[in-house]
Amino acid sequence: MSGLYVIGVAKDIAQSLAHLDVVSAANAVTVISIANLSGRLVLGILSDKIARIRVITIGQVISLVGMAALLFAPLNAVTFFAAIACVAFNFGGTITVFPSLVSEFFGLNNLAKNYGVIYLGFGIGSIFGSIIASLFGGFYVTFYVIFALLILSLALSTTIRQPEQKMLREAHGSL
């Protein structure tokens, strides 16, 4: 929920919460692009070296730091750009890692439908983020919801174990 939502409203957050002018706020696009690409590269490479679910956990921690900054730190240009960079880094990285992770857990034969559901979740999360912000009159309630969901996701990702090799062979047909 955090990635696509924050990307979509970054300029508005910059202007209303960090009190940046329009030109400075527009720089959020550049920061998001660089952080998103960096997340894809770093977390993608890392996912070939350690368990992919642990890479997701690392990304969630980084995103949690960004959301904590948006919620609890006094926002200025530096803290704002650092916070959205954390969120965008995780968003880019997880988009790279999730397809491999899904195929590890559910097999290649089930990749398209399972990853489709995950990818749909990005859009639904963004829509719900906007609805929450509209209903409650601002970004902070949405940030708290995202923060809580990140904590829940972090708890889940730290308890999930990799499938055993036997299960992997069955899911993939034969290795």
N, C-alpha and C. Protein backbone atom coordinates (compact mmCIF):
# COMPACT_ATOMS: atom_id res chain seq x y z
N MET A 1 0.83 -1.19 0.00
CA MET A 1 0.00 0.00 0.00
C MET A 1 0.87 1.25 0.00
N SER A 2 1.98 1.21 0.70
CA SER A 2 2.77 2.43 0.88
C SER A 2 3.40 2.94 -0.41
N GLY A 3 3.97 2.04 -1.20
CA GLY A 3 4.74 2.48 -2.37
C GLY A 3 3.95 3.27 -3.38
N LEU A 4 2.95 2.65 -3.96
CA LEU A 4 2.20 3.30 -5.02
C LEU A 4 1.42 4.51 -4.50
N TYR A 5 0.91 4.42 -3.28
CA TYR A 5 0.19 5.55 -2.70
C TYR A 5 1.11 6.75 -2.54
N VAL A 6 2.25 6.56 -1.89
CA VAL A 6 3.17 7.68 -1.65
C VAL A 6 3.69 8.25 -2.96
N ILE A 7 3.97 7.39 -3.92
CA ILE A 7 4.42 7.86 -5.23
C ILE A 7 3.37 8.78 -5.85
N GLY A 8 2.11 8.39 -5.73
CA GLY A 8 1.04 9.16 -6.34
C GLY A 8 0.77 10.51 -5.70
N VAL A 9 1.07 10.63 -4.43
CA VAL A 9 0.75 11.88 -3.72
C VAL A 9 1.98 12.60 -3.18
N ALA A 10 3.15 12.21 -3.61
CA ALA A 10 4.40 12.76 -3.07
C ALA A 10 4.47 14.28 -3.17
N LYS A 11 4.09 14.82 -4.31
CA LYS A 11 4.14 16.28 -4.48
C LYS A 11 3.20 16.97 -3.49
N ASP A 12 2.02 16.40 -3.30
CA ASP A 12 1.06 16.98 -2.36
C ASP A 12 1.56 16.90 -0.92
N ILE A 13 2.18 15.77 -0.58
CA ILE A 13 2.76 15.62 0.76
C ILE A 13 3.86 16.67 0.96
N ALA A 14 4.70 16.82 -0.06
CA ALA A 14 5.81 17.79 0.02
C ALA A 14 5.30 19.20 0.27
N GLN A 15 4.23 19.57 -0.43
CA GLN A 15 3.71 20.93 -0.29
C GLN A 15 2.97 21.12 1.03
N SER A 16 2.12 20.17 1.40
CA SER A 16 1.28 20.39 2.58
C SER A 16 1.97 20.05 3.90
N LEU A 17 2.81 19.03 3.93
CA LEU A 17 3.42 18.62 5.20
C LEU A 17 4.86 19.10 5.38
N ALA A 18 5.62 19.13 4.28
CA ALA A 18 7.02 19.59 4.38
C ALA A 18 7.14 21.06 3.99
N HIS A 19 6.03 21.65 3.53
CA HIS A 19 5.96 23.07 3.19
C HIS A 19 6.98 23.46 2.11
N LEU A 20 7.13 22.59 1.12
CA LEU A 20 8.03 22.89 0.00
C LEU A 20 7.27 23.63 -1.08
N ASP A 21 7.97 24.47 -1.83
CA ASP A 21 7.32 25.15 -2.95
C ASP A 21 7.12 24.14 -4.08
N VAL A 22 6.35 24.54 -5.09
CA VAL A 22 5.97 23.64 -6.17
C VAL A 22 7.19 23.06 -6.88
N VAL A 23 8.17 23.88 -7.16
CA VAL A 23 9.37 23.42 -7.88
C VAL A 23 10.13 22.39 -7.05
N SER A 24 10.33 22.68 -5.78
CA SER A 24 11.03 21.73 -4.90
C SER A 24 10.23 20.44 -4.73
N ALA A 25 8.92 20.58 -4.59
CA ALA A 25 8.06 19.41 -4.44
C ALA A 25 8.11 18.52 -5.67
N ALA A 26 8.23 19.13 -6.84
CA ALA A 26 8.31 18.36 -8.08
C ALA A 26 9.56 17.50 -8.14
N ASN A 27 10.58 17.86 -7.38
CA ASN A 27 11.80 17.04 -7.32
C ASN A 27 11.54 15.66 -6.72
N ALA A 28 10.38 15.50 -6.09
CA ALA A 28 10.02 14.19 -5.54
C ALA A 28 10.01 13.13 -6.64
N VAL A 29 9.61 13.52 -7.84
CA VAL A 29 9.58 12.58 -8.97
C VAL A 29 10.97 12.01 -9.23
N THR A 30 11.98 12.87 -9.21
CA THR A 30 13.36 12.43 -9.43
C THR A 30 13.83 11.53 -8.31
N VAL A 31 13.58 11.93 -7.07
CA VAL A 31 14.00 11.13 -5.92
C VAL A 31 13.34 9.76 -5.96
N ILE A 32 12.05 9.73 -6.25
CA ILE A 32 11.32 8.47 -6.32
C ILE A 32 11.89 7.58 -7.43
N SER A 33 12.16 8.15 -8.59
CA SER A 33 12.69 7.37 -9.71
C SER A 33 14.04 6.75 -9.37
N ILE A 34 14.93 7.54 -8.80
CA ILE A 34 16.26 7.04 -8.45
C ILE A 34 16.17 5.97 -7.35
N ALA A 35 15.36 6.22 -6.33
CA ALA A 35 15.21 5.25 -5.24
C ALA A 35 14.55 3.97 -5.72
N ASN A 36 13.54 4.10 -6.58
CA ASN A 36 12.85 2.94 -7.12
C ASN A 36 13.82 2.08 -7.92
N LEU A 37 14.59 2.69 -8.80
CA LEU A 37 15.59 1.96 -9.59
C LEU A 37 16.64 1.32 -8.68
N SER A 38 17.10 2.06 -7.69
CA SER A 38 18.09 1.53 -6.75
C SER A 38 17.54 0.31 -6.01
N GLY A 39 16.29 0.39 -5.58
CA GLY A 39 15.67 -0.75 -4.91
C GLY A 39 15.59 -1.97 -5.80
N ARG A 40 15.25 -1.76 -7.06
CA ARG A 40 15.20 -2.88 -8.00
C ARG A 40 16.56 -3.54 -8.14
N LEU A 41 17.59 -2.72 -8.28
CA LEU A 41 18.94 -3.27 -8.46
C LEU A 41 19.46 -3.93 -7.18
N VAL A 42 19.40 -3.21 -6.07
CA VAL A 42 19.98 -3.71 -4.82
C VAL A 42 19.22 -4.92 -4.29
N LEU A 43 17.91 -4.81 -4.16
CA LEU A 43 17.15 -5.94 -3.61
C LEU A 43 17.10 -7.10 -4.59
N GLY A 44 17.09 -6.81 -5.88
CA GLY A 44 17.14 -7.88 -6.88
C GLY A 44 18.42 -8.69 -6.78
N ILE A 45 19.55 -8.01 -6.71
CA ILE A 45 20.84 -8.69 -6.57
C ILE A 45 20.91 -9.43 -5.23
N LEU A 46 20.44 -8.78 -4.18
CA LEU A 46 20.46 -9.40 -2.86
C LEU A 46 19.61 -10.67 -2.82
N SER A 47 18.52 -10.69 -3.59
CA SER A 47 17.63 -11.86 -3.58
C SER A 47 18.28 -13.09 -4.21
N ASP A 48 19.37 -12.90 -4.95
CA ASP A 48 20.12 -14.03 -5.48
C ASP A 48 21.14 -14.55 -4.47
N LYS A 49 21.33 -13.82 -3.39
CA LYS A 49 22.35 -14.18 -2.40
C LYS A 49 21.78 -14.69 -1.09
N ILE A 50 20.61 -14.19 -0.69
CA ILE A 50 19.97 -14.65 0.55
C ILE A 50 18.52 -15.00 0.23
N ALA A 51 17.85 -15.62 1.19
CA ALA A 51 16.45 -16.03 0.99
C ALA A 51 15.60 -14.81 0.60
N ARG A 52 14.80 -14.99 -0.42
CA ARG A 52 14.00 -13.87 -0.94
C ARG A 52 13.03 -13.31 0.10
N ILE A 53 12.49 -14.16 0.94
CA ILE A 53 11.58 -13.66 1.97
C ILE A 53 12.32 -12.74 2.94
N ARG A 54 13.59 -12.99 3.16
CA ARG A 54 14.39 -12.11 4.02
C ARG A 54 14.67 -10.78 3.32
N VAL A 55 14.80 -10.82 2.00
CA VAL A 55 14.97 -9.58 1.24
C VAL A 55 13.71 -8.73 1.36
N ILE A 56 12.55 -9.37 1.29
CA ILE A 56 11.29 -8.66 1.49
C ILE A 56 11.26 -8.04 2.88
N THR A 57 11.72 -8.78 3.88
CA THR A 57 11.78 -8.27 5.25
C THR A 57 12.66 -7.03 5.33
N ILE A 58 13.82 -7.09 4.70
CA ILE A 58 14.73 -5.93 4.68
C ILE A 58 14.04 -4.72 4.04
N GLY A 59 13.37 -4.96 2.92
CA GLY A 59 12.65 -3.88 2.26
C GLY A 59 11.56 -3.29 3.13
N GLN A 60 10.86 -4.15 3.86
CA GLN A 60 9.80 -3.66 4.75
C GLN A 60 10.37 -2.80 5.87
N VAL A 61 11.52 -3.18 6.39
CA VAL A 61 12.16 -2.37 7.43
C VAL A 61 12.51 -0.99 6.88
N ILE A 62 13.05 -0.96 5.67
CA ILE A 62 13.41 0.32 5.04
C ILE A 62 12.17 1.18 4.83
N SER A 63 11.09 0.56 4.36
CA SER A 63 9.84 1.30 4.16
C SER A 63 9.27 1.77 5.49
N LEU A 64 9.39 0.95 6.51
CA LEU A 64 8.92 1.33 7.85
C LEU A 64 9.67 2.55 8.37
N VAL A 65 10.96 2.61 8.11
CA VAL A 65 11.76 3.78 8.49
C VAL A 65 11.22 5.02 7.77
N GLY A 66 10.93 4.89 6.48
CA GLY A 66 10.39 6.01 5.71
C GLY A 66 9.04 6.47 6.23
N MET A 67 8.16 5.52 6.52
CA MET A 67 6.84 5.88 7.05
C MET A 67 6.96 6.49 8.44
N ALA A 68 7.87 5.97 9.25
CA ALA A 68 8.09 6.55 10.59
C ALA A 68 8.56 8.00 10.46
N ALA A 69 9.41 8.26 9.49
CA ALA A 69 9.88 9.64 9.29
C ALA A 69 8.72 10.54 8.87
N LEU A 70 7.86 10.06 7.98
CA LEU A 70 6.71 10.86 7.56
C LEU A 70 5.77 11.13 8.73
N LEU A 71 5.67 10.18 9.64
CA LEU A 71 4.75 10.33 10.77
C LEU A 71 5.34 11.10 11.94
N PHE A 72 6.59 10.83 12.27
CA PHE A 72 7.11 11.28 13.56
C PHE A 72 8.23 12.31 13.48
N ALA A 73 8.86 12.47 12.34
CA ALA A 73 9.98 13.42 12.23
C ALA A 73 9.45 14.78 11.76
N PRO A 74 10.08 15.86 12.20
CA PRO A 74 9.71 17.16 11.65
C PRO A 74 10.10 17.17 10.17
N LEU A 75 9.13 17.41 9.31
CA LEU A 75 9.39 17.31 7.87
C LEU A 75 9.95 18.61 7.32
N ASN A 76 11.07 18.47 6.67
CA ASN A 76 11.66 19.53 5.85
C ASN A 76 12.10 18.85 4.56
N ALA A 77 12.80 19.52 3.71
CA ALA A 77 13.19 18.93 2.43
C ALA A 77 13.99 17.65 2.62
N VAL A 78 14.95 17.67 3.53
CA VAL A 78 15.82 16.50 3.72
C VAL A 78 15.05 15.30 4.25
N THR A 79 14.28 15.49 5.32
CA THR A 79 13.55 14.36 5.89
C THR A 79 12.47 13.86 4.95
N PHE A 80 11.81 14.78 4.25
CA PHE A 80 10.78 14.37 3.30
C PHE A 80 11.38 13.52 2.19
N PHE A 81 12.44 14.01 1.54
CA PHE A 81 13.03 13.27 0.43
C PHE A 81 13.63 11.95 0.90
N ALA A 82 14.22 11.92 2.08
CA ALA A 82 14.75 10.66 2.62
C ALA A 82 13.62 9.66 2.88
N ALA A 83 12.51 10.15 3.41
CA ALA A 83 11.38 9.28 3.72
C ALA A 83 10.78 8.67 2.46
N ILE A 84 10.53 9.51 1.45
CA ILE A 84 9.94 8.95 0.23
C ILE A 84 10.94 8.08 -0.52
N ALA A 85 12.22 8.35 -0.37
CA ALA A 85 13.24 7.49 -0.98
C ALA A 85 13.18 6.09 -0.36
N CYS A 86 13.00 6.01 0.95
CA CYS A 86 12.88 4.71 1.61
C CYS A 86 11.68 3.93 1.09
N VAL A 87 10.55 4.61 0.98
CA VAL A 87 9.33 3.96 0.52
C VAL A 87 9.48 3.52 -0.94
N ALA A 88 10.01 4.38 -1.79
CA ALA A 88 10.19 4.05 -3.21
C ALA A 88 11.23 2.95 -3.41
N PHE A 89 12.29 2.95 -2.61
CA PHE A 89 13.31 1.91 -2.67
C PHE A 89 12.67 0.54 -2.44
N ASN A 90 11.86 0.45 -1.38
CA ASN A 90 11.18 -0.80 -1.08
C ASN A 90 10.20 -1.18 -2.18
N PHE A 91 9.44 -0.22 -2.67
CA PHE A 91 8.47 -0.51 -3.72
C PHE A 91 9.15 -1.08 -4.95
N GLY A 92 10.21 -0.43 -5.41
CA GLY A 92 10.93 -0.93 -6.58
C GLY A 92 11.54 -2.29 -6.33
N GLY A 93 12.11 -2.47 -5.16
CA GLY A 93 12.75 -3.74 -4.84
C GLY A 93 11.79 -4.89 -4.74
N THR A 94 10.64 -4.66 -4.12
CA THR A 94 9.69 -5.76 -3.97
C THR A 94 9.06 -6.15 -5.30
N ILE A 95 8.86 -5.20 -6.18
CA ILE A 95 8.34 -5.54 -7.50
C ILE A 95 9.31 -6.48 -8.22
N THR A 96 10.60 -6.31 -7.96
CA THR A 96 11.61 -7.16 -8.57
C THR A 96 11.66 -8.54 -7.93
N VAL A 97 11.50 -8.60 -6.62
CA VAL A 97 11.69 -9.85 -5.88
C VAL A 97 10.43 -10.72 -5.86
N PHE A 98 9.25 -10.12 -5.82
CA PHE A 98 8.02 -10.90 -5.67
C PHE A 98 7.81 -11.99 -6.72
N PRO A 99 8.07 -11.77 -8.01
CA PRO A 99 7.84 -12.87 -8.96
C PRO A 99 8.65 -14.13 -8.62
N SER A 100 9.91 -13.97 -8.29
CA SER A 100 10.74 -15.13 -7.92
C SER A 100 10.25 -15.76 -6.62
N LEU A 101 9.89 -14.92 -5.67
CA LEU A 101 9.40 -15.41 -4.39
C LEU A 101 8.11 -16.21 -4.58
N VAL A 102 7.20 -15.68 -5.37
CA VAL A 102 5.93 -16.36 -5.62
C VAL A 102 6.17 -17.70 -6.30
N SER A 103 7.09 -17.74 -7.27
CA SER A 103 7.36 -19.01 -7.95
C SER A 103 8.02 -20.01 -7.00
N GLU A 104 8.85 -19.54 -6.07
CA GLU A 104 9.44 -20.44 -5.08
C GLU A 104 8.38 -21.07 -4.18
N PHE A 105 7.41 -20.29 -3.79
CA PHE A 105 6.39 -20.77 -2.86
C PHE A 105 5.28 -21.55 -3.55
N PHE A 106 4.90 -21.17 -4.77
CA PHE A 106 3.73 -21.76 -5.40
C PHE A 106 4.01 -22.46 -6.72
N GLY A 107 5.25 -22.41 -7.19
CA GLY A 107 5.61 -23.07 -8.44
C GLY A 107 5.41 -22.17 -9.64
N LEU A 108 6.17 -22.47 -10.69
CA LEU A 108 6.08 -21.67 -11.91
C LEU A 108 4.71 -21.78 -12.58
N ASN A 109 4.07 -22.95 -12.45
CA ASN A 109 2.76 -23.13 -13.08
C ASN A 109 1.70 -22.20 -12.50
N ASN A 110 1.91 -21.73 -11.29
CA ASN A 110 0.94 -20.86 -10.63
C ASN A 110 1.40 -19.42 -10.54
N LEU A 111 2.53 -19.10 -11.16
CA LEU A 111 3.11 -17.77 -11.02
C LEU A 111 2.18 -16.67 -11.54
N ALA A 112 1.66 -16.82 -12.73
CA ALA A 112 0.88 -15.74 -13.34
C ALA A 112 -0.33 -15.35 -12.51
N LYS A 113 -1.11 -16.34 -12.09
CA LYS A 113 -2.31 -15.98 -11.33
C LYS A 113 -1.98 -15.46 -9.93
N ASN A 114 -1.00 -16.06 -9.27
CA ASN A 114 -0.65 -15.60 -7.92
C ASN A 114 0.01 -14.23 -7.94
N TYR A 115 0.93 -14.01 -8.86
CA TYR A 115 1.58 -12.70 -8.93
C TYR A 115 0.58 -11.64 -9.40
N GLY A 116 -0.36 -12.04 -10.24
CA GLY A 116 -1.42 -11.11 -10.66
C GLY A 116 -2.20 -10.58 -9.47
N VAL A 117 -2.50 -11.45 -8.52
CA VAL A 117 -3.22 -11.04 -7.31
C VAL A 117 -2.35 -10.08 -6.49
N ILE A 118 -1.07 -10.39 -6.36
CA ILE A 118 -0.17 -9.51 -5.61
C ILE A 118 -0.07 -8.15 -6.29
N TYR A 119 0.08 -8.16 -7.60
CA TYR A 119 0.22 -6.91 -8.34
C TYR A 119 -1.05 -6.08 -8.24
N LEU A 120 -2.19 -6.74 -8.26
CA LEU A 120 -3.47 -6.06 -8.09
C LEU A 120 -3.53 -5.39 -6.72
N GLY A 121 -2.92 -6.02 -5.73
CA GLY A 121 -2.89 -5.46 -4.38
C GLY A 121 -2.22 -4.10 -4.31
N PHE A 122 -1.19 -3.87 -5.16
CA PHE A 122 -0.54 -2.56 -5.18
C PHE A 122 -1.56 -1.47 -5.54
N GLY A 123 -2.33 -1.72 -6.58
CA GLY A 123 -3.32 -0.74 -7.02
C GLY A 123 -4.44 -0.54 -6.02
N ILE A 124 -4.93 -1.65 -5.48
CA ILE A 124 -6.00 -1.56 -4.49
C ILE A 124 -5.53 -0.80 -3.25
N GLY A 125 -4.31 -1.07 -2.82
CA GLY A 125 -3.75 -0.35 -1.67
C GLY A 125 -3.67 1.14 -1.90
N SER A 126 -3.27 1.51 -3.10
CA SER A 126 -3.18 2.93 -3.44
C SER A 126 -4.56 3.59 -3.43
N ILE A 127 -5.54 2.90 -3.98
CA ILE A 127 -6.91 3.43 -3.99
C ILE A 127 -7.43 3.59 -2.56
N PHE A 128 -7.23 2.55 -1.73
CA PHE A 128 -7.69 2.65 -0.34
C PHE A 128 -6.96 3.75 0.41
N GLY A 129 -5.68 3.94 0.11
CA GLY A 129 -4.94 5.03 0.74
C GLY A 129 -5.58 6.38 0.44
N SER A 130 -5.96 6.57 -0.81
CA SER A 130 -6.61 7.83 -1.21
C SER A 130 -7.98 7.98 -0.57
N ILE A 131 -8.72 6.89 -0.49
CA ILE A 131 -10.04 6.93 0.14
C ILE A 131 -9.91 7.28 1.62
N ILE A 132 -8.98 6.64 2.30
CA ILE A 132 -8.76 6.93 3.73
C ILE A 132 -8.39 8.39 3.93
N ALA A 133 -7.48 8.89 3.09
CA ALA A 133 -7.07 10.31 3.20
C ALA A 133 -8.25 11.24 2.97
N SER A 134 -9.12 10.90 2.01
CA SER A 134 -10.29 11.74 1.73
C SER A 134 -11.29 11.71 2.88
N LEU A 135 -11.53 10.53 3.41
CA LEU A 135 -12.50 10.39 4.49
C LEU A 135 -12.06 11.08 5.78
N PHE A 136 -10.77 11.04 6.05
CA PHE A 136 -10.27 11.56 7.32
C PHE A 136 -9.55 12.90 7.19
N GLY A 137 -9.58 13.47 6.00
CA GLY A 137 -9.09 14.83 5.81
C GLY A 137 -7.59 15.03 5.84
N GLY A 138 -6.84 14.07 5.39
CA GLY A 138 -5.39 14.30 5.32
C GLY A 138 -4.60 13.02 5.21
N PHE A 139 -3.30 13.20 5.20
CA PHE A 139 -2.39 12.09 4.97
C PHE A 139 -2.10 11.27 6.22
N TYR A 140 -2.16 11.88 7.39
CA TYR A 140 -1.66 11.22 8.59
C TYR A 140 -2.39 9.93 8.93
N VAL A 141 -3.70 9.90 8.80
CA VAL A 141 -4.44 8.67 9.11
C VAL A 141 -3.99 7.57 8.15
N THR A 142 -3.84 7.91 6.89
CA THR A 142 -3.36 6.93 5.91
C THR A 142 -1.96 6.45 6.28
N PHE A 143 -1.10 7.35 6.69
CA PHE A 143 0.26 6.97 7.10
C PHE A 143 0.22 6.00 8.29
N TYR A 144 -0.68 6.26 9.25
CA TYR A 144 -0.79 5.36 10.40
C TYR A 144 -1.28 3.98 9.97
N VAL A 145 -2.23 3.94 9.05
CA VAL A 145 -2.71 2.65 8.54
C VAL A 145 -1.57 1.92 7.84
N ILE A 146 -0.84 2.62 6.99
CA ILE A 146 0.30 2.01 6.29
C ILE A 146 1.34 1.54 7.30
N PHE A 147 1.63 2.35 8.29
CA PHE A 147 2.60 2.00 9.33
C PHE A 147 2.18 0.70 10.03
N ALA A 148 0.90 0.61 10.41
CA ALA A 148 0.40 -0.60 11.08
C ALA A 148 0.48 -1.81 10.15
N LEU A 149 0.12 -1.63 8.88
CA LEU A 149 0.20 -2.74 7.93
C LEU A 149 1.64 -3.17 7.68
N LEU A 150 2.56 -2.22 7.69
CA LEU A 150 3.98 -2.58 7.55
C LEU A 150 4.46 -3.40 8.75
N ILE A 151 4.03 -3.03 9.94
CA ILE A 151 4.40 -3.81 11.13
C ILE A 151 3.83 -5.22 11.04
N LEU A 152 2.57 -5.33 10.63
CA LEU A 152 1.95 -6.64 10.46
C LEU A 152 2.68 -7.45 9.39
N SER A 153 2.98 -6.83 8.27
CA SER A 153 3.71 -7.50 7.19
C SER A 153 5.09 -7.94 7.64
N LEU A 154 5.74 -7.10 8.40
CA LEU A 154 7.06 -7.42 8.92
C LEU A 154 6.99 -8.63 9.85
N ALA A 155 5.98 -8.66 10.71
CA ALA A 155 5.80 -9.81 11.60
C ALA A 155 5.57 -11.09 10.80
N LEU A 156 4.76 -10.99 9.76
CA LEU A 156 4.50 -12.17 8.93
C LEU A 156 5.74 -12.61 8.16
N SER A 157 6.46 -11.66 7.59
CA SER A 157 7.62 -12.04 6.78
C SER A 157 8.75 -12.62 7.62
N THR A 158 8.81 -12.25 8.89
CA THR A 158 9.86 -12.82 9.74
C THR A 158 9.49 -14.22 10.23
N THR A 159 8.22 -14.58 10.18
CA THR A 159 7.81 -15.91 10.63
C THR A 159 7.63 -16.91 9.49
N ILE A 160 7.49 -16.43 8.29
CA ILE A 160 7.33 -17.33 7.13
C ILE A 160 8.65 -18.03 6.85
N ARG A 161 8.57 -19.32 6.60
CA ARG A 161 9.75 -20.11 6.28
C ARG A 161 9.73 -20.50 4.80
N GLN A 162 10.91 -20.67 4.26
CA GLN A 162 11.02 -21.12 2.87
C GLN A 162 10.39 -22.50 2.74
N PRO A 163 9.76 -22.80 1.60
CA PRO A 163 9.22 -24.15 1.39
C PRO A 163 10.36 -25.17 1.38
N GLU A 164 10.05 -26.36 1.85
CA GLU A 164 11.05 -27.43 1.83
C GLU A 164 11.31 -27.87 0.40
N GLN A 165 12.45 -28.48 0.16
CA GLN A 165 12.82 -28.90 -1.19
C GLN A 165 11.80 -29.86 -1.78
N LYS A 166 11.23 -30.76 -0.96
CA LYS A 166 10.23 -31.71 -1.47
C LYS A 166 9.01 -30.95 -2.00
N MET A 167 8.57 -29.96 -1.24
CA MET A 167 7.42 -29.16 -1.67
C MET A 167 7.76 -28.39 -2.95
N LEU A 168 8.99 -27.89 -3.03
CA LEU A 168 9.41 -27.16 -4.23
C LEU A 168 9.38 -28.05 -5.45
N ARG A 169 9.88 -29.29 -5.30
CA ARG A 169 9.88 -30.23 -6.44
C ARG A 169 8.46 -30.51 -6.91
N GLU A 170 7.54 -30.70 -5.95
CA GLU A 170 6.15 -30.97 -6.30
C GLU A 170 5.52 -29.76 -6.99
N ALA A 171 5.81 -28.57 -6.49
CA ALA A 171 5.23 -27.36 -7.06
C ALA A 171 5.77 -27.06 -8.45
N HIS A 172 7.03 -27.40 -8.69
CA HIS A 172 7.67 -27.10 -9.97
C HIS A 172 7.61 -28.28 -10.93
N GLY A 173 6.96 -29.35 -10.56
CA GLY A 173 6.95 -30.54 -11.40
C GLY A 173 8.11 -31.42 -11.00
N SER A 174 9.24 -31.24 -11.61
CA SER A 174 10.46 -31.94 -11.22
C SER A 174 11.64 -31.03 -11.48
N LEU A 175 12.56 -31.01 -10.57
CA LEU A 175 13.74 -30.15 -10.71
C LEU A 175 14.90 -30.89 -11.30
